[in-house]
Amino acid sequence: MTQQTKIAVKDNKGRDLILGLVFDALGYVSFTIPIFGEFEDVIWAPVSAILMIIMYKGTAGKIAGAFDFLEEILPFTDVIPSFTLMWFYKYVIKR
């Protein structure tokens, strides 16, 4: 890996973690507002899946996007921090 590539990966690492934490927090909104929360899941599920695919390219991003969509659309599964788990997979496990 070249020095420039290492710097780019390091920059994306911090950005991806912050964005992932924010996106996971947005997914938790459905727990705070009982009636609005379920409606929010219907809108947030496809949006979060697309964001996951954009943030994490390749097959892993597509699989994570599909998992994230299901996690957001199914009731009582919003507690899974899918963006944070994907960040952990990409920057800790895969490295």
PDB file of N, CA and C in Angstrom:
ATOM      1  N   MET A   1       0.838  -1.167   0.000  1.00  0.00           N
ATOM      2  CA  MET A   1       0.000   0.000   0.000  1.00  0.00           C
ATOM      3  C   MET A   1       0.893   1.244   0.000  1.00  0.00           C
ATOM      4  N   THR A   2       0.581   2.197  -0.851  1.00  0.00           N
ATOM      5  CA  THR A   2       1.374   3.415  -0.899  1.00  0.00           C
ATOM      6  C   THR A   2       1.025   4.324   0.269  1.00  0.00           C
ATOM      7  N   GLN A   3       1.860   5.300   0.508  1.00  0.00           N
ATOM      8  CA  GLN A   3       1.635   6.236   1.605  1.00  0.00           C
ATOM      9  C   GLN A   3       0.326   7.004   1.405  1.00  0.00           C
ATOM     10  N   GLN A   4       0.049   7.404   0.161  1.00  0.00           N
ATOM     11  CA  GLN A   4      -1.169   8.152  -0.130  1.00  0.00           C
ATOM     12  C   GLN A   4      -2.407   7.280   0.133  1.00  0.00           C
ATOM     13  N   THR A   5      -2.350   6.016  -0.215  1.00  0.00           N
ATOM     14  CA  THR A   5      -3.460   5.104   0.038  1.00  0.00           C
ATOM     15  C   THR A   5      -3.675   4.922   1.534  1.00  0.00           C
ATOM     16  N   LYS A   6      -2.595   4.802   2.296  1.00  0.00           N
ATOM     17  CA  LYS A   6      -2.707   4.668   3.745  1.00  0.00           C
ATOM     18  C   LYS A   6      -3.368   5.885   4.355  1.00  0.00           C
ATOM     19  N   ILE A   7      -3.028   7.078   3.884  1.00  0.00           N
ATOM     20  CA  ILE A   7      -3.629   8.301   4.399  1.00  0.00           C
ATOM     21  C   ILE A   7      -5.115   8.339   4.048  1.00  0.00           C
ATOM     22  N   ALA A   8      -5.468   7.947   2.831  1.00  0.00           N
ATOM     23  CA  ALA A   8      -6.868   7.948   2.413  1.00  0.00           C
ATOM     24  C   ALA A   8      -7.684   6.973   3.246  1.00  0.00           C
ATOM     25  N   VAL A   9      -7.147   5.792   3.511  1.00  0.00           N
ATOM     26  CA  VAL A   9      -7.845   4.805   4.330  1.00  0.00           C
ATOM     27  C   VAL A   9      -8.018   5.327   5.750  1.00  0.00           C
ATOM     28  N   LYS A  10      -6.991   5.956   6.303  1.00  0.00           N
ATOM     29  CA  LYS A  10      -7.078   6.496   7.653  1.00  0.00           C
ATOM     30  C   LYS A  10      -8.130   7.596   7.726  1.00  0.00           C
ATOM     31  N   ASP A  11      -8.187   8.477   6.714  1.00  0.00           N
ATOM     32  CA  ASP A  11      -9.184   9.533   6.692  1.00  0.00           C
ATOM     33  C   ASP A  11     -10.595   8.970   6.618  1.00  0.00           C
ATOM     34  N   ASN A  12     -10.801   7.955   5.770  1.00  0.00           N
ATOM     35  CA  ASN A  12     -12.118   7.336   5.642  1.00  0.00           C
ATOM     36  C   ASN A  12     -12.509   6.597   6.911  1.00  0.00           C
ATOM     37  N   LYS A  13     -11.560   6.074   7.619  1.00  0.00           N
ATOM     38  CA  LYS A  13     -11.838   5.312   8.839  1.00  0.00           C
ATOM     39  C   LYS A  13     -12.564   6.177   9.860  1.00  0.00           C
ATOM     40  N   GLY A  14     -12.048   7.356  10.125  1.00  0.00           N
ATOM     41  CA  GLY A  14     -12.679   8.252  11.088  1.00  0.00           C
ATOM     42  C   GLY A  14     -14.019   8.765  10.591  1.00  0.00           C
ATOM     43  N   ARG A  15     -14.061   9.145   9.320  1.00  0.00           N
ATOM     44  CA  ARG A  15     -15.313   9.631   8.730  1.00  0.00           C
ATOM     45  C   ARG A  15     -16.384   8.548   8.769  1.00  0.00           C
ATOM     46  N   ASP A  16     -16.031   7.335   8.390  1.00  0.00           N
ATOM     47  CA  ASP A  16     -16.996   6.241   8.373  1.00  0.00           C
ATOM     48  C   ASP A  16     -17.499   5.912   9.769  1.00  0.00           C
ATOM     49  N   LEU A  17     -16.637   5.995  10.765  1.00  0.00           N
ATOM     50  CA  LEU A  17     -17.073   5.728  12.138  1.00  0.00           C
ATOM     51  C   LEU A  17     -18.072   6.777  12.602  1.00  0.00           C
ATOM     52  N   ILE A  18     -17.764   8.033  12.374  1.00  0.00           N
ATOM     53  CA  ILE A  18     -18.674   9.108  12.807  1.00  0.00           C
ATOM     54  C   ILE A  18     -20.009   9.012  12.077  1.00  0.00           C
ATOM     55  N   LEU A  19     -19.960   8.849  10.754  1.00  0.00           N
ATOM     56  CA  LEU A  19     -21.208   8.714   9.997  1.00  0.00           C
ATOM     57  C   LEU A  19     -21.993   7.482  10.440  1.00  0.00           C
ATOM     58  N   GLY A  20     -21.293   6.385  10.681  1.00  0.00           N
ATOM     59  CA  GLY A  20     -21.969   5.164  11.130  1.00  0.00           C
ATOM     60  C   GLY A  20     -22.675   5.348  12.457  1.00  0.00           C
ATOM     61  N   LEU A  21     -22.021   6.026  13.385  1.00  0.00           N
ATOM     62  CA  LEU A  21     -22.649   6.280  14.686  1.00  0.00           C
ATOM     63  C   LEU A  21     -23.876   7.183  14.545  1.00  0.00           C
ATOM     64  N   VAL A  22     -23.772   8.178  13.683  1.00  0.00           N
ATOM     65  CA  VAL A  22     -24.915   9.068  13.438  1.00  0.00           C
ATOM     66  C   VAL A  22     -26.061   8.298  12.783  1.00  0.00           C
ATOM     67  N   PHE A  23     -25.747   7.495  11.780  1.00  0.00           N
ATOM     68  CA  PHE A  23     -26.795   6.735  11.092  1.00  0.00           C
ATOM     69  C   PHE A  23     -27.431   5.691  12.013  1.00  0.00           C
ATOM     70  N   ASP A  24     -26.639   5.055  12.858  1.00  0.00           N
ATOM     71  CA  ASP A  24     -27.216   4.118  13.833  1.00  0.00           C
ATOM     72  C   ASP A  24     -28.129   4.855  14.813  1.00  0.00           C
ATOM     73  N   ALA A  25     -27.725   6.043  15.230  1.00  0.00           N
ATOM     74  CA  ALA A  25     -28.560   6.843  16.142  1.00  0.00           C
ATOM     75  C   ALA A  25     -29.879   7.221  15.467  1.00  0.00           C
ATOM     76  N   LEU A  26     -29.829   7.567  14.189  1.00  0.00           N
ATOM     77  CA  LEU A  26     -31.073   7.879  13.468  1.00  0.00           C
ATOM     78  C   LEU A  26     -31.992   6.666  13.415  1.00  0.00           C
ATOM     79  N   GLY A  27     -31.428   5.491  13.312  1.00  0.00           N
ATOM     80  CA  GLY A  27     -32.228   4.272  13.317  1.00  0.00           C
ATOM     81  C   GLY A  27     -32.907   4.013  14.651  1.00  0.00           C
ATOM     82  N   TYR A  28     -32.333   4.532  15.735  1.00  0.00           N
ATOM     83  CA  TYR A  28     -32.907   4.343  17.062  1.00  0.00           C
ATOM     84  C   TYR A  28     -34.073   5.277  17.339  1.00  0.00           C
ATOM     85  N   VAL A  29     -34.326   6.243  16.475  1.00  0.00           N
ATOM     86  CA  VAL A  29     -35.407   7.208  16.689  1.00  0.00           C
ATOM     87  C   VAL A  29     -36.748   6.513  16.848  1.00  0.00           C
ATOM     88  N   SER A  30     -36.931   5.394  16.189  1.00  0.00           N
ATOM     89  CA  SER A  30     -38.216   4.698  16.262  1.00  0.00           C
ATOM     90  C   SER A  30     -38.550   4.242  17.683  1.00  0.00           C
ATOM     91  N   PHE A  31     -37.555   4.101  18.539  1.00  0.00           N
ATOM     92  CA  PHE A  31     -37.814   3.725  19.927  1.00  0.00           C
ATOM     93  C   PHE A  31     -38.258   4.915  20.766  1.00  0.00           C
ATOM     94  N   THR A  32     -37.933   6.111  20.347  1.00  0.00           N
ATOM     95  CA  THR A  32     -38.229   7.293  21.168  1.00  0.00           C
ATOM     96  C   THR A  32     -39.623   7.848  20.934  1.00  0.00           C
ATOM     97  N   ILE A  33     -40.164   7.681  19.741  1.00  0.00           N
ATOM     98  CA  ILE A  33     -41.496   8.196  19.428  1.00  0.00           C
ATOM     99  C   ILE A  33     -42.359   7.019  18.975  1.00  0.00           C
ATOM    100  N   PRO A  34     -43.247   6.525  19.852  1.00  0.00           N
ATOM    101  CA  PRO A  34     -43.964   5.280  19.576  1.00  0.00           C
ATOM    102  C   PRO A  34     -44.691   5.208  18.230  1.00  0.00           C
ATOM    103  N   ILE A  35     -45.562   6.114  17.897  1.00  0.00           N
ATOM    104  CA  ILE A  35     -46.350   5.997  16.667  1.00  0.00           C
ATOM    105  C   ILE A  35     -45.532   6.438  15.453  1.00  0.00           C
ATOM    106  N   PHE A  36     -44.821   7.525  15.571  1.00  0.00           N
ATOM    107  CA  PHE A  36     -44.009   8.034  14.466  1.00  0.00           C
ATOM    108  C   PHE A  36     -42.876   7.076  14.140  1.00  0.00           C
ATOM    109  N   GLY A  37     -42.414   6.354  15.136  1.00  0.00           N
ATOM    110  CA  GLY A  37     -41.262   5.480  14.961  1.00  0.00           C
ATOM    111  C   GLY A  37     -41.447   4.415  13.906  1.00  0.00           C
ATOM    112  N   GLU A  38     -42.598   3.790  13.880  1.00  0.00           N
ATOM    113  CA  GLU A  38     -42.837   2.742  12.881  1.00  0.00           C
ATOM    114  C   GLU A  38     -42.906   3.331  11.476  1.00  0.00           C
ATOM    115  N   PHE A  39     -43.485   4.513  11.345  1.00  0.00           N
ATOM    116  CA  PHE A  39     -43.515   5.189  10.044  1.00  0.00           C
ATOM    117  C   PHE A  39     -42.104   5.580   9.630  1.00  0.00           C
ATOM    118  N   GLU A  40     -41.321   6.005  10.599  1.00  0.00           N
ATOM    119  CA  GLU A  40     -39.934   6.393  10.331  1.00  0.00           C
ATOM    120  C   GLU A  40     -39.143   5.201   9.803  1.00  0.00           C
ATOM    121  N   ASP A  41     -39.403   4.013  10.299  1.00  0.00           N
ATOM    122  CA  ASP A  41     -38.706   2.808   9.836  1.00  0.00           C
ATOM    123  C   ASP A  41     -38.970   2.531   8.363  1.00  0.00           C
ATOM    124  N   VAL A  42     -40.195   2.767   7.911  1.00  0.00           N
ATOM    125  CA  VAL A  42     -40.545   2.523   6.515  1.00  0.00           C
ATOM    126  C   VAL A  42     -39.744   3.442   5.596  1.00  0.00           C
ATOM    127  N   ILE A  43     -39.502   4.657   6.027  1.00  0.00           N
ATOM    128  CA  ILE A  43     -38.726   5.608   5.233  1.00  0.00           C
ATOM    129  C   ILE A  43     -37.226   5.371   5.426  1.00  0.00           C
ATOM    130  N   TRP A  44     -36.809   5.124   6.661  1.00  0.00           N
ATOM    131  CA  TRP A  44     -35.381   5.008   6.962  1.00  0.00           C
ATOM    132  C   TRP A  44     -34.757   3.726   6.427  1.00  0.00           C
ATOM    133  N   ALA A  45     -35.503   2.635   6.345  1.00  0.00           N
ATOM    134  CA  ALA A  45     -34.927   1.351   5.914  1.00  0.00           C
ATOM    135  C   ALA A  45     -34.285   1.433   4.524  1.00  0.00           C
ATOM    136  N   PRO A  46     -34.974   1.903   3.487  1.00  0.00           N
ATOM    137  CA  PRO A  46     -34.298   1.967   2.186  1.00  0.00           C
ATOM    138  C   PRO A  46     -33.201   3.025   2.133  1.00  0.00           C
ATOM    139  N   VAL A  47     -33.409   4.135   2.844  1.00  0.00           N
ATOM    140  CA  VAL A  47     -32.390   5.192   2.859  1.00  0.00           C
ATOM    141  C   VAL A  47     -31.105   4.676   3.506  1.00  0.00           C
ATOM    142  N   SER A  48     -31.240   4.006   4.636  1.00  0.00           N
ATOM    143  CA  SER A  48     -30.045   3.506   5.322  1.00  0.00           C
ATOM    144  C   SER A  48     -29.354   2.409   4.511  1.00  0.00           C
ATOM    145  N   ALA A  49     -30.128   1.579   3.822  1.00  0.00           N
ATOM    146  CA  ALA A  49     -29.520   0.543   2.977  1.00  0.00           C
ATOM    147  C   ALA A  49     -28.699   1.173   1.849  1.00  0.00           C
ATOM    148  N   ILE A  50     -29.233   2.215   1.239  1.00  0.00           N
ATOM    149  CA  ILE A  50     -28.504   2.904   0.170  1.00  0.00           C
ATOM    150  C   ILE A  50     -27.249   3.568   0.725  1.00  0.00           C
ATOM    151  N   LEU A  51     -27.358   4.189   1.892  1.00  0.00           N
ATOM    152  CA  LEU A  51     -26.186   4.812   2.514  1.00  0.00           C
ATOM    153  C   LEU A  51     -25.110   3.776   2.822  1.00  0.00           C
ATOM    154  N   MET A  52     -25.520   2.613   3.270  1.00  0.00           N
ATOM    155  CA  MET A  52     -24.569   1.538   3.572  1.00  0.00           C
ATOM    156  C   MET A  52     -23.834   1.105   2.303  1.00  0.00           C
ATOM    157  N   ILE A  53     -24.572   0.960   1.220  1.00  0.00           N
ATOM    158  CA  ILE A  53     -23.967   0.535  -0.043  1.00  0.00           C
ATOM    159  C   ILE A  53     -23.005   1.599  -0.569  1.00  0.00           C
ATOM    160  N   ILE A  54     -23.356   2.862  -0.391  1.00  0.00           N
ATOM    161  CA  ILE A  54     -22.484   3.955  -0.839  1.00  0.00           C
ATOM    162  C   ILE A  54     -21.222   4.029   0.017  1.00  0.00           C
ATOM    163  N   MET A  55     -21.370   3.885   1.326  1.00  0.00           N
ATOM    164  CA  MET A  55     -20.221   3.993   2.230  1.00  0.00           C
ATOM    165  C   MET A  55     -19.248   2.838   2.069  1.00  0.00           C
ATOM    166  N   TYR A  56     -19.767   1.641   1.896  1.00  0.00           N
ATOM    167  CA  TYR A  56     -18.930   0.443   1.829  1.00  0.00           C
ATOM    168  C   TYR A  56     -19.132  -0.218   0.478  1.00  0.00           C
ATOM    169  N   LYS A  57     -18.194  -0.020  -0.406  1.00  0.00           N
ATOM    170  CA  LYS A  57     -18.280  -0.513  -1.781  1.00  0.00           C
ATOM    171  C   LYS A  57     -18.100  -2.033  -1.844  1.00  0.00           C
ATOM    172  N   GLY A  58     -18.489  -2.599  -2.964  1.00  0.00           N
ATOM    173  CA  GLY A  58     -18.258  -4.012  -3.220  1.00  0.00           C
ATOM    174  C   GLY A  58     -19.336  -4.920  -2.671  1.00  0.00           C
ATOM    175  N   THR A  59     -19.019  -6.189  -2.693  1.00  0.00           N
ATOM    176  CA  THR A  59     -19.963  -7.212  -2.250  1.00  0.00           C
ATOM    177  C   THR A  59     -20.319  -7.059  -0.776  1.00  0.00           C
ATOM    178  N   ALA A  60     -19.335  -6.760   0.056  1.00  0.00           N
ATOM    179  CA  ALA A  60     -19.592  -6.608   1.490  1.00  0.00           C
ATOM    180  C   ALA A  60     -20.587  -5.478   1.745  1.00  0.00           C
ATOM    181  N   GLY A  61     -20.464  -4.386   1.012  1.00  0.00           N
ATOM    182  CA  GLY A  61     -21.388  -3.262   1.162  1.00  0.00           C
ATOM    183  C   GLY A  61     -22.794  -3.619   0.731  1.00  0.00           C
ATOM    184  N   LYS A  62     -22.913  -4.401  -0.338  1.00  0.00           N
ATOM    185  CA  LYS A  62     -24.232  -4.812  -0.811  1.00  0.00           C
ATOM    186  C   LYS A  62     -24.903  -5.769   0.180  1.00  0.00           C
ATOM    187  N   ILE A  63     -24.124  -6.697   0.706  1.00  0.00           N
ATOM    188  CA  ILE A  63     -24.672  -7.628   1.701  1.00  0.00           C
ATOM    189  C   ILE A  63     -25.074  -6.862   2.959  1.00  0.00           C
ATOM    190  N   ALA A  64     -24.215  -5.948   3.404  1.00  0.00           N
ATOM    191  CA  ALA A  64     -24.527  -5.144   4.583  1.00  0.00           C
ATOM    192  C   ALA A  64     -25.746  -4.269   4.337  1.00  0.00           C
ATOM    193  N   GLY A  65     -25.889  -3.735   3.120  1.00  0.00           N
ATOM    194  CA  GLY A  65     -27.060  -2.928   2.787  1.00  0.00           C
ATOM    195  C   GLY A  65     -28.345  -3.734   2.871  1.00  0.00           C
ATOM    196  N   ALA A  66     -28.315  -4.960   2.361  1.00  0.00           N
ATOM    197  CA  ALA A  66     -29.495  -5.834   2.438  1.00  0.00           C
ATOM    198  C   ALA A  66     -29.809  -6.179   3.885  1.00  0.00           C
ATOM    199  N   PHE A  67     -28.770  -6.504   4.662  1.00  0.00           N
ATOM    200  CA  PHE A  67     -28.961  -6.801   6.075  1.00  0.00           C
ATOM    201  C   PHE A  67     -29.525  -5.584   6.807  1.00  0.00           C
ATOM    202  N   ASP A  68     -28.980  -4.410   6.501  1.00  0.00           N
ATOM    203  CA  ASP A  68     -29.429  -3.181   7.148  1.00  0.00           C
ATOM    204  C   ASP A  68     -30.891  -2.887   6.818  1.00  0.00           C
ATOM    205  N   PHE A  69     -31.275  -3.093   5.570  1.00  0.00           N
ATOM    206  CA  PHE A  69     -32.672  -2.879   5.185  1.00  0.00           C
ATOM    207  C   PHE A  69     -33.593  -3.769   6.014  1.00  0.00           C
ATOM    208  N   LEU A  70     -33.262  -5.058   6.095  1.00  0.00           N
ATOM    209  CA  LEU A  70     -34.093  -5.983   6.866  1.00  0.00           C
ATOM    210  C   LEU A  70     -34.106  -5.623   8.354  1.00  0.00           C
ATOM    211  N   GLU A  71     -32.951  -5.247   8.851  1.00  0.00           N
ATOM    212  CA  GLU A  71     -32.847  -4.884  10.270  1.00  0.00           C
ATOM    213  C   GLU A  71     -33.707  -3.669  10.587  1.00  0.00           C
ATOM    214  N   GLU A  72     -33.778  -2.727   9.696  1.00  0.00           N
ATOM    215  CA  GLU A  72     -34.567  -1.519   9.939  1.00  0.00           C
ATOM    216  C   GLU A  72     -36.056  -1.735   9.703  1.00  0.00           C
ATOM    217  N   ILE A  73     -36.413  -2.568   8.753  1.00  0.00           N
ATOM    218  CA  ILE A  73     -37.820  -2.732   8.396  1.00  0.00           C
ATOM    219  C   ILE A  73     -38.548  -3.695   9.344  1.00  0.00           C
ATOM    220  N   LEU A  74     -37.809  -4.661   9.899  1.00  0.00           N
ATOM    221  CA  LEU A  74     -38.434  -5.623  10.815  1.00  0.00           C
ATOM    222  C   LEU A  74     -38.607  -5.003  12.205  1.00  0.00           C
ATOM    223  N   PRO A  75     -39.724  -5.277  12.843  1.00  0.00           N
ATOM    224  CA  PRO A  75     -39.941  -4.701  14.182  1.00  0.00           C
ATOM    225  C   PRO A  75     -38.980  -5.289  15.221  1.00  0.00           C
ATOM    226  N   PHE A  76     -38.604  -4.452  16.156  1.00  0.00           N
ATOM    227  CA  PHE A  76     -37.780  -4.807  17.325  1.00  0.00           C
ATOM    228  C   PHE A  76     -36.336  -5.192  16.995  1.00  0.00           C
ATOM    229  N   THR A  77     -35.885  -4.931  15.792  1.00  0.00           N
ATOM    230  CA  THR A  77     -34.494  -5.245  15.454  1.00  0.00           C
ATOM    231  C   THR A  77     -33.643  -3.988  15.308  1.00  0.00           C
ATOM    232  N   ASP A  78     -34.220  -2.840  15.603  1.00  0.00           N
ATOM    233  CA  ASP A  78     -33.498  -1.575  15.454  1.00  0.00           C
ATOM    234  C   ASP A  78     -32.328  -1.432  16.422  1.00  0.00           C
ATOM    235  N   VAL A  79     -32.253  -2.277  17.407  1.00  0.00           N
ATOM    236  CA  VAL A  79     -31.173  -2.170  18.390  1.00  0.00           C
ATOM    237  C   VAL A  79     -29.828  -2.639  17.831  1.00  0.00           C
ATOM    238  N   ILE A  80     -29.844  -3.286  16.678  1.00  0.00           N
ATOM    239  CA  ILE A  80     -28.596  -3.764  16.071  1.00  0.00           C
ATOM    240  C   ILE A  80     -27.888  -2.584  15.398  1.00  0.00           C
ATOM    241  N   PRO A  81     -26.683  -2.248  15.823  1.00  0.00           N
ATOM    242  CA  PRO A  81     -25.955  -1.118  15.224  1.00  0.00           C
ATOM    243  C   PRO A  81     -25.245  -1.545  13.941  1.00  0.00           C
ATOM    244  N   SER A  82     -25.992  -1.700  12.870  1.00  0.00           N
ATOM    245  CA  SER A  82     -25.452  -2.287  11.644  1.00  0.00           C
ATOM    246  C   SER A  82     -24.317  -1.468  11.023  1.00  0.00           C
ATOM    247  N   PHE A  83     -24.407  -0.136  11.062  1.00  0.00           N
ATOM    248  CA  PHE A  83     -23.319   0.673  10.498  1.00  0.00           C
ATOM    249  C   PHE A  83     -22.040   0.506  11.316  1.00  0.00           C
ATOM    250  N   THR A  84     -22.165   0.462  12.614  1.00  0.00           N
ATOM    251  CA  THR A  84     -21.005   0.291  13.482  1.00  0.00           C
ATOM    252  C   THR A  84     -20.405  -1.105  13.309  1.00  0.00           C
ATOM    253  N   LEU A  85     -21.250  -2.109  13.173  1.00  0.00           N
ATOM    254  CA  LEU A  85     -20.756  -3.466  12.942  1.00  0.00           C
ATOM    255  C   LEU A  85     -20.021  -3.572  11.612  1.00  0.00           C
ATOM    256  N   MET A  86     -20.534  -2.906  10.584  1.00  0.00           N
ATOM    257  CA  MET A  86     -19.861  -2.931   9.283  1.00  0.00           C
ATOM    258  C   MET A  86     -18.528  -2.200   9.364  1.00  0.00           C
ATOM    259  N   TRP A  87     -18.487  -1.096  10.091  1.00  0.00           N
ATOM    260  CA  TRP A  87     -17.224  -0.379  10.274  1.00  0.00           C
ATOM    261  C   TRP A  87     -16.215  -1.292  10.976  1.00  0.00           C
ATOM    262  N   PHE A  88     -16.656  -1.981  12.014  1.00  0.00           N
ATOM    263  CA  PHE A  88     -15.778  -2.894  12.747  1.00  0.00           C
ATOM    264  C   PHE A  88     -15.268  -4.004  11.834  1.00  0.00           C
ATOM    265  N   TYR A  89     -16.156  -4.534  10.987  1.00  0.00           N
ATOM    266  CA  TYR A  89     -15.747  -5.585  10.042  1.00  0.00           C
ATOM    267  C   TYR A  89     -14.692  -5.054   9.072  1.00  0.00           C
ATOM    268  N   LYS A  90     -14.954  -3.883   8.493  1.00  0.00           N
ATOM    269  CA  LYS A  90     -14.057  -3.368   7.451  1.00  0.00           C
ATOM    270  C   LYS A  90     -12.703  -2.936   8.011  1.00  0.00           C
ATOM    271  N   TYR A  91     -12.693  -2.237   9.143  1.00  0.00           N
ATOM    272  CA  TYR A  91     -11.454  -1.632   9.618  1.00  0.00           C
ATOM    273  C   TYR A  91     -10.724  -2.423  10.702  1.00  0.00           C
ATOM    274  N   VAL A  92     -11.396  -3.414  11.296  1.00  0.00           N
ATOM    275  CA  VAL A  92     -10.736  -4.196  12.347  1.00  0.00           C
ATOM    276  C   VAL A  92     -10.566  -5.646  11.915  1.00  0.00           C
ATOM    277  N   ILE A  93     -11.651  -6.288  11.572  1.00  0.00           N
ATOM    278  CA  ILE A  93     -11.600  -7.725  11.243  1.00  0.00           C
ATOM    279  C   ILE A  93     -10.897  -7.956   9.899  1.00  0.00           C
ATOM    280  N   LYS A  94     -11.305  -7.211   8.886  1.00  0.00           N
ATOM    281  CA  LYS A  94     -10.761  -7.421   7.543  1.00  0.00           C
ATOM    282  C   LYS A  94      -9.299  -7.015   7.440  1.00  0.00           C
ATOM    283  N   ARG A  95      -8.835  -6.087   8.230  1.00  0.00           N
ATOM    284  CA  ARG A  95      -7.439  -5.643   8.189  1.00  0.00           C
ATOM    285  C   ARG A  95      -6.627  -6.653   8.894  1.00  0.00           C
TER     286      ARG A  95
END
